[in-house]
Amino acid sequence: MMKILNKYISFGGKQIKFSHHSDVLACDMNFSVYLPPQAEQRPVPIIYWLSGLTCTDDNFVQKAGAQRYAAEAGVAIVCPDTSPRGEGVPDDPVAAYDFGLGAGFYVNATEEPWAKHYQMYSYITEELPAVLASSDLPLQTEKASIMGHSMGGHGALTIVLKNPGSYKAVSAFAPICSPLNCAWGEKALSNYIGNDQELWADYDSCALIAKAQEKLPILIDQGDADDFLLEQLKPDLIKDACAKAKHSLTLRMQPGYDHSYFFIASFIGDHIKYHADFLN
């Protein structure tokens, strides 16, 4: 059962934060939904937003300025949390920012002690859509797209590539393009999934593009002043993977922009319009 934690009016629509018990994650979870004003007259399509390391569902809601554009386009935005949380949910032993709480990486963990709770892939692709579909929210849950930032960009890309026919569009801001080839990914995947890198490839966008059954066009915005650009994000890898697979990619390198929500807020309007063109 969903419980409303708070609700605000924004650009004629409603910004609502919910909590519910997740059977998949074995804990209580929060997520936020923006309902545009059009939802008063009819069910509206959904854009899922997946946030990055250290974030909760609040960061995008409070910093991206997306409500204005969602209201104009008549689309809802659903923002889940980035990891399971609560009593008994394990965290990085030294509480590092890049693993454990706030860093679920949108994978299904198979290693202990993570496997019981860290099933974020199934939560995003199965449980949360089912929770929304069974609610009384005016949402067209069968008409959805997905986007995200950094770790969430990685999540959005891999989820679309692994679920042909389930999403209408995908985009990302500064995504982790190849967890197989960066320290963030190596730490997360080795702990959550184990040391077999063949299993890691199932959560690596560049590896998945090579065998994708559906080739949805990909839109990526990346700041060229991003501190994580060369060591962690590596957009050239996805550029090469898309070229080899003849997979449509629009990679926009944005001069002077960094990894922050100032960057996201600058281009979120473009991304919502991009998704709305596929959804409406």
C-alpha atoms as a PDB file:
ATOM      1  CA  MET A   1       0.000   0.000   0.000  1.00  0.00           C
ATOM      2  CA  MET A   2       1.283   3.445  -0.943  1.00  0.00           C
ATOM      3  CA  LYS A   3       1.428   6.189   1.692  1.00  0.00           C
ATOM      4  CA  ILE A   4       1.702   9.898   0.810  1.00  0.00           C
ATOM      5  CA  LEU A   5       4.606  11.559   2.645  1.00  0.00           C
ATOM      6  CA  ASN A   6       4.194  15.037   1.147  1.00  0.00           C
ATOM      7  CA  LYS A   7       2.455  16.790  -1.727  1.00  0.00           C
ATOM      8  CA  TYR A   8       3.012  20.152  -3.441  1.00  0.00           C
ATOM      9  CA  ILE A   9       1.444  22.068  -6.324  1.00  0.00           C
ATOM     10  CA  SER A  10       3.966  22.834  -9.075  1.00  0.00           C
ATOM     11  CA  PHE A  11       3.246  24.422 -12.482  1.00  0.00           C
ATOM     12  CA  GLY A  12      -0.395  23.478 -12.129  1.00  0.00           C
ATOM     13  CA  GLY A  13       0.412  19.846 -11.422  1.00  0.00           C
ATOM     14  CA  LYS A  14       1.158  17.824  -8.297  1.00  0.00           C
ATOM     15  CA  GLN A  15       4.529  16.751  -6.928  1.00  0.00           C
ATOM     16  CA  ILE A  16       3.912  13.807  -4.579  1.00  0.00           C
ATOM     17  CA  LYS A  17       6.307  11.735  -2.486  1.00  0.00           C
ATOM     18  CA  PHE A  18       5.194   8.199  -1.583  1.00  0.00           C
ATOM     19  CA  SER A  19       6.444   5.360   0.565  1.00  0.00           C
ATOM     20  CA  HIS A  20       5.579   1.681   0.209  1.00  0.00           C
ATOM     21  CA  HIS A  21       6.900  -1.696   1.258  1.00  0.00           C
ATOM     22  CA  SER A  22       8.977  -3.379  -1.421  1.00  0.00           C
ATOM     23  CA  ASP A  23       8.865  -7.159  -1.424  1.00  0.00           C
ATOM     24  CA  VAL A  24      11.663  -7.259  -3.998  1.00  0.00           C
ATOM     25  CA  LEU A  25      14.019  -5.143  -1.871  1.00  0.00           C
ATOM     26  CA  ALA A  26      12.728  -6.412   1.490  1.00  0.00           C
ATOM     27  CA  CYS A  27      12.454  -2.899   2.927  1.00  0.00           C
ATOM     28  CA  ASP A  28      10.340   0.243   2.778  1.00  0.00           C
ATOM     29  CA  MET A  29      11.051   2.489  -0.192  1.00  0.00           C
ATOM     30  CA  ASN A  30      10.297   6.074  -1.165  1.00  0.00           C
ATOM     31  CA  PHE A  31       9.603   7.371  -4.648  1.00  0.00           C
ATOM     32  CA  SER A  32       8.265  10.617  -6.095  1.00  0.00           C
ATOM     33  CA  VAL A  33       5.765  11.280  -8.873  1.00  0.00           C
ATOM     34  CA  TYR A  34       5.092  14.507 -10.732  1.00  0.00           C
ATOM     35  CA  LEU A  35       1.594  14.586 -12.222  1.00  0.00           C
ATOM     36  CA  PRO A  36       1.148  17.312 -14.847  1.00  0.00           C
ATOM     37  CA  PRO A  37      -2.096  19.329 -14.910  1.00  0.00           C
ATOM     38  CA  GLN A  38      -3.357  17.197 -17.830  1.00  0.00           C
ATOM     39  CA  ALA A  39      -3.610  14.262 -15.386  1.00  0.00           C
ATOM     40  CA  GLU A  40      -6.757  15.911 -13.994  1.00  0.00           C
ATOM     41  CA  GLN A  41      -8.533  15.073 -17.282  1.00  0.00           C
ATOM     42  CA  ARG A  42      -6.863  11.841 -18.463  1.00  0.00           C
ATOM     43  CA  PRO A  43      -4.146   9.306 -17.680  1.00  0.00           C
ATOM     44  CA  VAL A  44      -0.713  10.475 -18.804  1.00  0.00           C
ATOM     45  CA  PRO A  45       2.435   8.658 -19.976  1.00  0.00           C
ATOM     46  CA  ILE A  46       5.477   8.227 -17.723  1.00  0.00           C
ATOM     47  CA  ILE A  47       9.136   9.168 -17.851  1.00  0.00           C
ATOM     48  CA  TYR A  48      11.182   7.261 -15.261  1.00  0.00           C
ATOM     49  CA  TRP A  49      14.176   9.196 -13.903  1.00  0.00           C
ATOM     50  CA  LEU A  50      17.066   7.236 -12.360  1.00  0.00           C
ATOM     51  CA  SER A  51      19.422   9.257 -10.193  1.00  0.00           C
ATOM     52  CA  GLY A  52      23.138   8.881  -9.559  1.00  0.00           C
ATOM     53  CA  LEU A  53      25.471   8.018  -6.710  1.00  0.00           C
ATOM     54  CA  THR A  54      24.555   9.422  -3.264  1.00  0.00           C
ATOM     55  CA  CYS A  55      21.149  10.646  -4.470  1.00  0.00           C
ATOM     56  CA  THR A  56      17.632   9.904  -3.255  1.00  0.00           C
ATOM     57  CA  ASP A  57      14.382  10.599  -5.099  1.00  0.00           C
ATOM     58  CA  ASP A  58      14.586  14.182  -3.783  1.00  0.00           C
ATOM     59  CA  ASN A  59      17.603  15.426  -5.752  1.00  0.00           C
ATOM     60  CA  PHE A  60      15.993  15.472  -9.184  1.00  0.00           C
ATOM     61  CA  VAL A  61      12.656  16.680  -7.845  1.00  0.00           C
ATOM     62  CA  GLN A  62      14.191  19.674  -6.073  1.00  0.00           C
ATOM     63  CA  LYS A  63      17.078  20.626  -8.382  1.00  0.00           C
ATOM     64  CA  ALA A  64      16.371  19.723 -12.009  1.00  0.00           C
ATOM     65  CA  GLY A  65      13.512  22.151 -12.701  1.00  0.00           C
ATOM     66  CA  ALA A  66      11.746  19.424 -14.660  1.00  0.00           C
ATOM     67  CA  GLN A  67       8.186  20.127 -13.515  1.00  0.00           C
ATOM     68  CA  ARG A  68       7.756  23.122 -15.823  1.00  0.00           C
ATOM     69  CA  TYR A  69       8.643  21.072 -18.909  1.00  0.00           C
ATOM     70  CA  ALA A  70       6.655  18.022 -17.806  1.00  0.00           C
ATOM     71  CA  ALA A  71       3.614  20.250 -17.325  1.00  0.00           C
ATOM     72  CA  GLU A  72       4.012  21.687 -20.809  1.00  0.00           C
ATOM     73  CA  ALA A  73       4.424  18.238 -22.361  1.00  0.00           C
ATOM     74  CA  GLY A  74       1.695  16.505 -20.367  1.00  0.00           C
ATOM     75  CA  VAL A  75       3.926  13.720 -19.035  1.00  0.00           C
ATOM     76  CA  ALA A  76       4.428  12.334 -15.546  1.00  0.00           C
ATOM     77  CA  ILE A  77       7.895  11.851 -14.055  1.00  0.00           C
ATOM     78  CA  VAL A  78       8.519   8.965 -11.652  1.00  0.00           C
ATOM     79  CA  CYS A  79      11.668   9.197  -9.505  1.00  0.00           C
ATOM     80  CA  PRO A  80      12.621   6.109  -7.479  1.00  0.00           C
ATOM     81  CA  ASP A  81      15.334   6.016  -4.836  1.00  0.00           C
ATOM     82  CA  THR A  82      18.798   4.769  -5.797  1.00  0.00           C
ATOM     83  CA  SER A  83      19.090   1.829  -3.396  1.00  0.00           C
ATOM     84  CA  PRO A  84      17.295  -0.105  -0.689  1.00  0.00           C
ATOM     85  CA  ARG A  85      17.462   1.555   2.729  1.00  0.00           C
ATOM     86  CA  GLY A  86      16.528   0.932   6.327  1.00  0.00           C
ATOM     87  CA  GLU A  87      17.378  -1.187   9.320  1.00  0.00           C
ATOM     88  CA  GLY A  88      19.226  -4.333   8.356  1.00  0.00           C
ATOM     89  CA  VAL A  89      20.112  -3.166   4.841  1.00  0.00           C
ATOM     90  CA  PRO A  90      23.907  -3.558   4.459  1.00  0.00           C
ATOM     91  CA  ASP A  91      26.132  -0.654   3.470  1.00  0.00           C
ATOM     92  CA  ASP A  92      29.706  -0.270   2.324  1.00  0.00           C
ATOM     93  CA  PRO A  93      31.890  -1.312   5.295  1.00  0.00           C
ATOM     94  CA  VAL A  94      33.611   2.083   5.325  1.00  0.00           C
ATOM     95  CA  ALA A  95      30.482   3.996   4.217  1.00  0.00           C
ATOM     96  CA  ALA A  96      32.063   5.056   0.918  1.00  0.00           C
ATOM     97  CA  TYR A  97      29.811   7.049  -1.400  1.00  0.00           C
ATOM     98  CA  ASP A  98      30.233   4.761  -4.416  1.00  0.00           C
ATOM     99  CA  PHE A  99      28.869   1.499  -3.011  1.00  0.00           C
ATOM    100  CA  GLY A 100      26.036   0.360  -0.757  1.00  0.00           C
ATOM    101  CA  LEU A 101      23.396   2.848   0.360  1.00  0.00           C
ATOM    102  CA  GLY A 102      22.674   5.353  -2.394  1.00  0.00           C
ATOM    103  CA  ALA A 103      24.615   3.230  -4.881  1.00  0.00           C
ATOM    104  CA  GLY A 104      22.454   0.299  -5.941  1.00  0.00           C
ATOM    105  CA  PHE A 105      23.713   0.526  -9.557  1.00  0.00           C
ATOM    106  CA  TYR A 106      20.372  -0.777 -10.855  1.00  0.00           C
ATOM    107  CA  VAL A 107      21.564  -4.397 -10.797  1.00  0.00           C
ATOM    108  CA  ASN A 108      20.286  -7.576  -9.148  1.00  0.00           C
ATOM    109  CA  ALA A 109      22.920  -8.604  -6.614  1.00  0.00           C
ATOM    110  CA  THR A 110      23.786 -12.289  -6.327  1.00  0.00           C
ATOM    111  CA  GLU A 111      26.535 -12.068  -3.683  1.00  0.00           C
ATOM    112  CA  GLU A 112      26.048 -11.974   0.084  1.00  0.00           C
ATOM    113  CA  PRO A 113      25.236  -9.922   2.070  1.00  0.00           C
ATOM    114  CA  TRP A 114      23.829  -7.851  -0.798  1.00  0.00           C
ATOM    115  CA  ALA A 115      21.500 -10.310  -2.533  1.00  0.00           C
ATOM    116  CA  LYS A 116      18.624 -10.085  -0.040  1.00  0.00           C
ATOM    117  CA  HIS A 117      18.061  -6.365  -0.544  1.00  0.00           C
ATOM    118  CA  TYR A 118      19.991  -5.083  -3.565  1.00  0.00           C
ATOM    119  CA  GLN A 119      17.622  -6.071  -6.376  1.00  0.00           C
ATOM    120  CA  MET A 120      17.255  -2.644  -7.926  1.00  0.00           C
ATOM    121  CA  TYR A 121      16.998  -3.913 -11.502  1.00  0.00           C
ATOM    122  CA  SER A 122      13.895  -5.950 -10.697  1.00  0.00           C
ATOM    123  CA  TYR A 123      12.492  -3.132  -8.577  1.00  0.00           C
ATOM    124  CA  ILE A 124      12.707  -0.620 -11.445  1.00  0.00           C
ATOM    125  CA  THR A 125      11.621  -2.941 -14.252  1.00  0.00           C
ATOM    126  CA  GLU A 126       8.959  -5.023 -12.475  1.00  0.00           C
ATOM    127  CA  GLU A 127       7.822  -4.069  -8.985  1.00  0.00           C
ATOM    128  CA  LEU A 128       7.576  -0.283  -9.211  1.00  0.00           C
ATOM    129  CA  PRO A 129       5.638  -0.347 -12.521  1.00  0.00           C
ATOM    130  CA  ALA A 130       3.262  -2.922 -10.977  1.00  0.00           C
ATOM    131  CA  VAL A 131       2.783  -0.738  -7.890  1.00  0.00           C
ATOM    132  CA  LEU A 132       1.935   2.239 -10.105  1.00  0.00           C
ATOM    133  CA  ALA A 133      -0.392   0.184 -12.311  1.00  0.00           C
ATOM    134  CA  SER A 134      -2.355  -1.047  -9.299  1.00  0.00           C
ATOM    135  CA  SER A 135      -2.643   2.448  -7.803  1.00  0.00           C
ATOM    136  CA  ASP A 136      -5.332   5.012  -8.530  1.00  0.00           C
ATOM    137  CA  LEU A 137      -2.833   7.440 -10.044  1.00  0.00           C
ATOM    138  CA  PRO A 138      -3.857   8.594 -13.554  1.00  0.00           C
ATOM    139  CA  LEU A 139      -0.867   7.037 -15.317  1.00  0.00           C
ATOM    140  CA  GLN A 140      -0.491   5.203 -18.604  1.00  0.00           C
ATOM    141  CA  THR A 141       1.936   2.679 -17.174  1.00  0.00           C
ATOM    142  CA  GLU A 142       2.122   0.826 -20.476  1.00  0.00           C
ATOM    143  CA  LYS A 143       3.446   4.015 -22.119  1.00  0.00           C
ATOM    144  CA  ALA A 144       6.796   4.728 -20.490  1.00  0.00           C
ATOM    145  CA  SER A 145      10.283   5.954 -21.260  1.00  0.00           C
ATOM    146  CA  ILE A 146      13.392   6.201 -19.087  1.00  0.00           C
ATOM    147  CA  MET A 147      16.336   8.531 -18.492  1.00  0.00           C
ATOM    148  CA  GLY A 148      18.942   9.131 -15.815  1.00  0.00           C
ATOM    149  CA  HIS A 149      22.180  10.714 -14.654  1.00  0.00           C
ATOM    150  CA  SER A 150      25.598   9.129 -14.089  1.00  0.00           C
ATOM    151  CA  MET A 151      24.903   5.805 -12.325  1.00  0.00           C
ATOM    152  CA  GLY A 152      21.266   6.400 -13.282  1.00  0.00           C
ATOM    153  CA  GLY A 153      22.237   7.003 -16.896  1.00  0.00           C
ATOM    154  CA  HIS A 154      23.951   3.621 -16.823  1.00  0.00           C
ATOM    155  CA  GLY A 155      20.758   2.167 -15.344  1.00  0.00           C
ATOM    156  CA  ALA A 156      18.481   3.730 -17.954  1.00  0.00           C
ATOM    157  CA  LEU A 157      20.608   2.547 -20.877  1.00  0.00           C
ATOM    158  CA  THR A 158      21.067  -1.013 -19.652  1.00  0.00           C
ATOM    159  CA  ILE A 159      17.387  -1.390 -18.738  1.00  0.00           C
ATOM    160  CA  VAL A 160      16.244  -0.297 -22.202  1.00  0.00           C
ATOM    161  CA  LEU A 161      18.778  -2.513 -23.938  1.00  0.00           C
ATOM    162  CA  LYS A 162      17.678  -5.550 -21.900  1.00  0.00           C
ATOM    163  CA  ASN A 163      13.926  -4.965 -22.246  1.00  0.00           C
ATOM    164  CA  PRO A 164      12.975  -4.531 -25.910  1.00  0.00           C
ATOM    165  CA  GLY A 165       9.461  -3.220 -26.397  1.00  0.00           C
ATOM    166  CA  SER A 166       9.045  -2.016 -22.807  1.00  0.00           C
ATOM    167  CA  TYR A 167      10.074   1.632 -23.245  1.00  0.00           C
ATOM    168  CA  LYS A 168       9.362   4.234 -25.920  1.00  0.00           C
ATOM    169  CA  ALA A 169      12.547   6.310 -25.517  1.00  0.00           C
ATOM    170  CA  VAL A 170      15.815   6.567 -23.582  1.00  0.00           C
ATOM    171  CA  SER A 171      18.285   9.331 -22.777  1.00  0.00           C
ATOM    172  CA  ALA A 172      21.050  10.029 -20.282  1.00  0.00           C
ATOM    173  CA  PHE A 173      23.086  12.777 -18.689  1.00  0.00           C
ATOM    174  CA  ALA A 174      26.766  11.925 -18.185  1.00  0.00           C
ATOM    175  CA  PRO A 175      26.155   8.176 -17.933  1.00  0.00           C
ATOM    176  CA  ILE A 176      28.660   5.602 -16.717  1.00  0.00           C
ATOM    177  CA  CYS A 177      28.969   4.150 -20.206  1.00  0.00           C
ATOM    178  CA  SER A 178      30.923   0.982 -19.414  1.00  0.00           C
ATOM    179  CA  PRO A 179      31.067  -0.285 -15.805  1.00  0.00           C
ATOM    180  CA  LEU A 180      33.413  -3.002 -17.077  1.00  0.00           C
ATOM    181  CA  ASN A 181      35.996  -0.291 -17.729  1.00  0.00           C
ATOM    182  CA  CYS A 182      35.874   2.079 -14.765  1.00  0.00           C
ATOM    183  CA  ALA A 183      36.605   1.979 -11.038  1.00  0.00           C
ATOM    184  CA  TRP A 184      33.012   2.738  -9.986  1.00  0.00           C
ATOM    185  CA  GLY A 185      31.729  -0.169 -12.035  1.00  0.00           C
ATOM    186  CA  GLU A 186      34.464  -2.572 -11.025  1.00  0.00           C
ATOM    187  CA  LYS A 187      33.808  -1.952  -7.330  1.00  0.00           C
ATOM    188  CA  ALA A 188      30.037  -2.217  -7.606  1.00  0.00           C
ATOM    189  CA  LEU A 189      29.836  -5.213  -9.922  1.00  0.00           C
ATOM    190  CA  SER A 190      32.544  -7.259  -8.197  1.00  0.00           C
ATOM    191  CA  ASN A 191      30.779  -6.850  -4.860  1.00  0.00           C
ATOM    192  CA  TYR A 192      27.183  -7.232  -6.043  1.00  0.00           C
ATOM    193  CA  ILE A 193      27.696  -9.922  -8.693  1.00  0.00           C
ATOM    194  CA  GLY A 194      31.101 -11.501  -8.018  1.00  0.00           C
ATOM    195  CA  ASN A 195      34.359 -11.614  -9.944  1.00  0.00           C
ATOM    196  CA  ASP A 196      33.139 -13.218 -13.194  1.00  0.00           C
ATOM    197  CA  GLN A 197      33.335 -10.347 -15.668  1.00  0.00           C
ATOM    198  CA  GLU A 198      31.210 -12.243 -18.179  1.00  0.00           C
ATOM    199  CA  LEU A 199      28.325 -11.679 -15.750  1.00  0.00           C
ATOM    200  CA  TRP A 200      29.218  -7.997 -15.480  1.00  0.00           C
ATOM    201  CA  ALA A 201      28.661  -7.618 -19.218  1.00  0.00           C
ATOM    202  CA  ASP A 202      24.936  -8.118 -18.637  1.00  0.00           C
ATOM    203  CA  TYR A 203      24.947  -4.672 -16.971  1.00  0.00           C
ATOM    204  CA  ASP A 204      27.328  -2.910 -19.359  1.00  0.00           C
ATOM    205  CA  SER A 205      25.751  -0.645 -21.989  1.00  0.00           C
ATOM    206  CA  CYS A 206      28.586  -1.042 -24.474  1.00  0.00           C
ATOM    207  CA  ALA A 207      28.441  -4.838 -24.279  1.00  0.00           C
ATOM    208  CA  LEU A 208      24.636  -4.843 -24.534  1.00  0.00           C
ATOM    209  CA  ILE A 209      24.541  -2.540 -27.566  1.00  0.00           C
ATOM    210  CA  ALA A 210      26.431  -5.137 -29.576  1.00  0.00           C
ATOM    211  CA  LYS A 211      23.557  -7.621 -29.199  1.00  0.00           C
ATOM    212  CA  ALA A 212      20.534  -5.359 -28.733  1.00  0.00           C
ATOM    213  CA  GLN A 213      17.287  -6.762 -30.149  1.00  0.00           C
ATOM    214  CA  GLU A 214      15.745  -3.295 -30.345  1.00  0.00           C
ATOM    215  CA  LYS A 215      17.647  -0.210 -31.416  1.00  0.00           C
ATOM    216  CA  LEU A 216      15.923   2.739 -29.772  1.00  0.00           C
ATOM    217  CA  PRO A 217      17.786   5.960 -30.578  1.00  0.00           C
ATOM    218  CA  ILE A 218      19.972   7.092 -27.678  1.00  0.00           C
ATOM    219  CA  LEU A 219      20.380  10.736 -26.619  1.00  0.00           C
ATOM    220  CA  ILE A 220      23.284  11.590 -24.298  1.00  0.00           C
ATOM    221  CA  ASP A 221      24.375  14.969 -22.974  1.00  0.00           C
ATOM    222  CA  GLN A 222      27.868  15.110 -21.470  1.00  0.00           C
ATOM    223  CA  GLY A 223      29.709  18.112 -20.058  1.00  0.00           C
ATOM    224  CA  ASP A 224      33.294  18.430 -21.265  1.00  0.00           C
ATOM    225  CA  ALA A 225      34.366  19.930 -17.911  1.00  0.00           C
ATOM    226  CA  ASP A 226      33.033  16.937 -15.957  1.00  0.00           C
ATOM    227  CA  ASP A 227      35.626  15.813 -13.381  1.00  0.00           C
ATOM    228  CA  PHE A 228      34.633  12.172 -13.955  1.00  0.00           C
ATOM    229  CA  LEU A 229      34.683  12.294 -17.762  1.00  0.00           C
ATOM    230  CA  LEU A 230      37.909  10.451 -18.556  1.00  0.00           C
ATOM    231  CA  GLU A 231      38.236   7.999 -15.656  1.00  0.00           C
ATOM    232  CA  GLN A 232      34.636   6.944 -14.959  1.00  0.00           C
ATOM    233  CA  LEU A 233      32.195   7.971 -17.719  1.00  0.00           C
ATOM    234  CA  LYS A 234      34.119   7.351 -20.956  1.00  0.00           C
ATOM    235  CA  PRO A 235      31.520   8.369 -23.573  1.00  0.00           C
ATOM    236  CA  ASP A 236      33.916   7.463 -26.393  1.00  0.00           C
ATOM    237  CA  LEU A 237      33.322   3.797 -25.536  1.00  0.00           C
ATOM    238  CA  ILE A 238      29.583   4.016 -26.169  1.00  0.00           C
ATOM    239  CA  LYS A 239      30.205   6.130 -29.257  1.00  0.00           C
ATOM    240  CA  ASP A 240      32.408   3.352 -30.652  1.00  0.00           C
ATOM    241  CA  ALA A 241      29.966   0.606 -29.617  1.00  0.00           C
ATOM    242  CA  CYS A 242      27.045   2.360 -31.316  1.00  0.00           C
ATOM    243  CA  ALA A 243      29.080   2.959 -34.475  1.00  0.00           C
ATOM    244  CA  LYS A 244      30.036  -0.720 -34.724  1.00  0.00           C
ATOM    245  CA  ALA A 245      26.450  -1.890 -34.106  1.00  0.00           C
ATOM    246  CA  LYS A 246      24.895   0.813 -36.310  1.00  0.00           C
ATOM    247  CA  HIS A 247      22.853   1.914 -33.286  1.00  0.00           C
ATOM    248  CA  SER A 248      21.583   5.502 -33.468  1.00  0.00           C
ATOM    249  CA  LEU A 249      23.352   7.745 -30.936  1.00  0.00           C
ATOM    250  CA  THR A 250      23.229  11.507 -30.451  1.00  0.00           C
ATOM    251  CA  LEU A 251      26.131  12.398 -28.151  1.00  0.00           C
ATOM    252  CA  ARG A 252      26.189  16.106 -27.335  1.00  0.00           C
ATOM    253  CA  MET A 253      29.379  17.306 -25.661  1.00  0.00           C
ATOM    254  CA  GLN A 254      28.422  20.464 -23.801  1.00  0.00           C
ATOM    255  CA  PRO A 255      31.328  22.957 -23.444  1.00  0.00           C
ATOM    256  CA  GLY A 256      32.135  24.047 -19.886  1.00  0.00           C
ATOM    257  CA  TYR A 257      29.480  21.954 -18.128  1.00  0.00           C
ATOM    258  CA  ASP A 258      30.326  19.703 -15.184  1.00  0.00           C
ATOM    259  CA  HIS A 259      28.590  16.742 -13.488  1.00  0.00           C
ATOM    260  CA  SER A 260      26.188  18.748 -11.333  1.00  0.00           C
ATOM    261  CA  TYR A 261      22.472  19.451 -11.357  1.00  0.00           C
ATOM    262  CA  PHE A 262      23.264  22.871 -12.842  1.00  0.00           C
ATOM    263  CA  PHE A 263      24.206  20.865 -15.947  1.00  0.00           C
ATOM    264  CA  ILE A 264      21.065  18.711 -15.768  1.00  0.00           C
ATOM    265  CA  ALA A 265      18.781  21.714 -15.261  1.00  0.00           C
ATOM    266  CA  SER A 266      20.300  23.374 -18.337  1.00  0.00           C
ATOM    267  CA  PHE A 267      19.214  20.591 -20.712  1.00  0.00           C
ATOM    268  CA  ILE A 268      16.346  18.792 -18.968  1.00  0.00           C
ATOM    269  CA  GLY A 269      13.839  20.645 -21.135  1.00  0.00           C
ATOM    270  CA  ASP A 270      15.423  19.178 -24.263  1.00  0.00           C
ATOM    271  CA  HIS A 271      15.248  15.677 -22.821  1.00  0.00           C
ATOM    272  CA  ILE A 272      11.625  15.911 -21.711  1.00  0.00           C
ATOM    273  CA  LYS A 273      10.615  17.188 -25.154  1.00  0.00           C
ATOM    274  CA  TYR A 274      12.595  14.346 -26.718  1.00  0.00           C
ATOM    275  CA  HIS A 275      10.745  11.774 -24.610  1.00  0.00           C
ATOM    276  CA  ALA A 276       7.352  13.446 -25.050  1.00  0.00           C
ATOM    277  CA  ASP A 277       7.692  13.211 -28.836  1.00  0.00           C
ATOM    278  CA  PHE A 278       7.849   9.412 -28.483  1.00  0.00           C
ATOM    279  CA  LEU A 279       5.221   9.165 -25.734  1.00  0.00           C
ATOM    280  CA  ASN A 280       2.440  11.443 -27.007  1.00  0.00           C
END
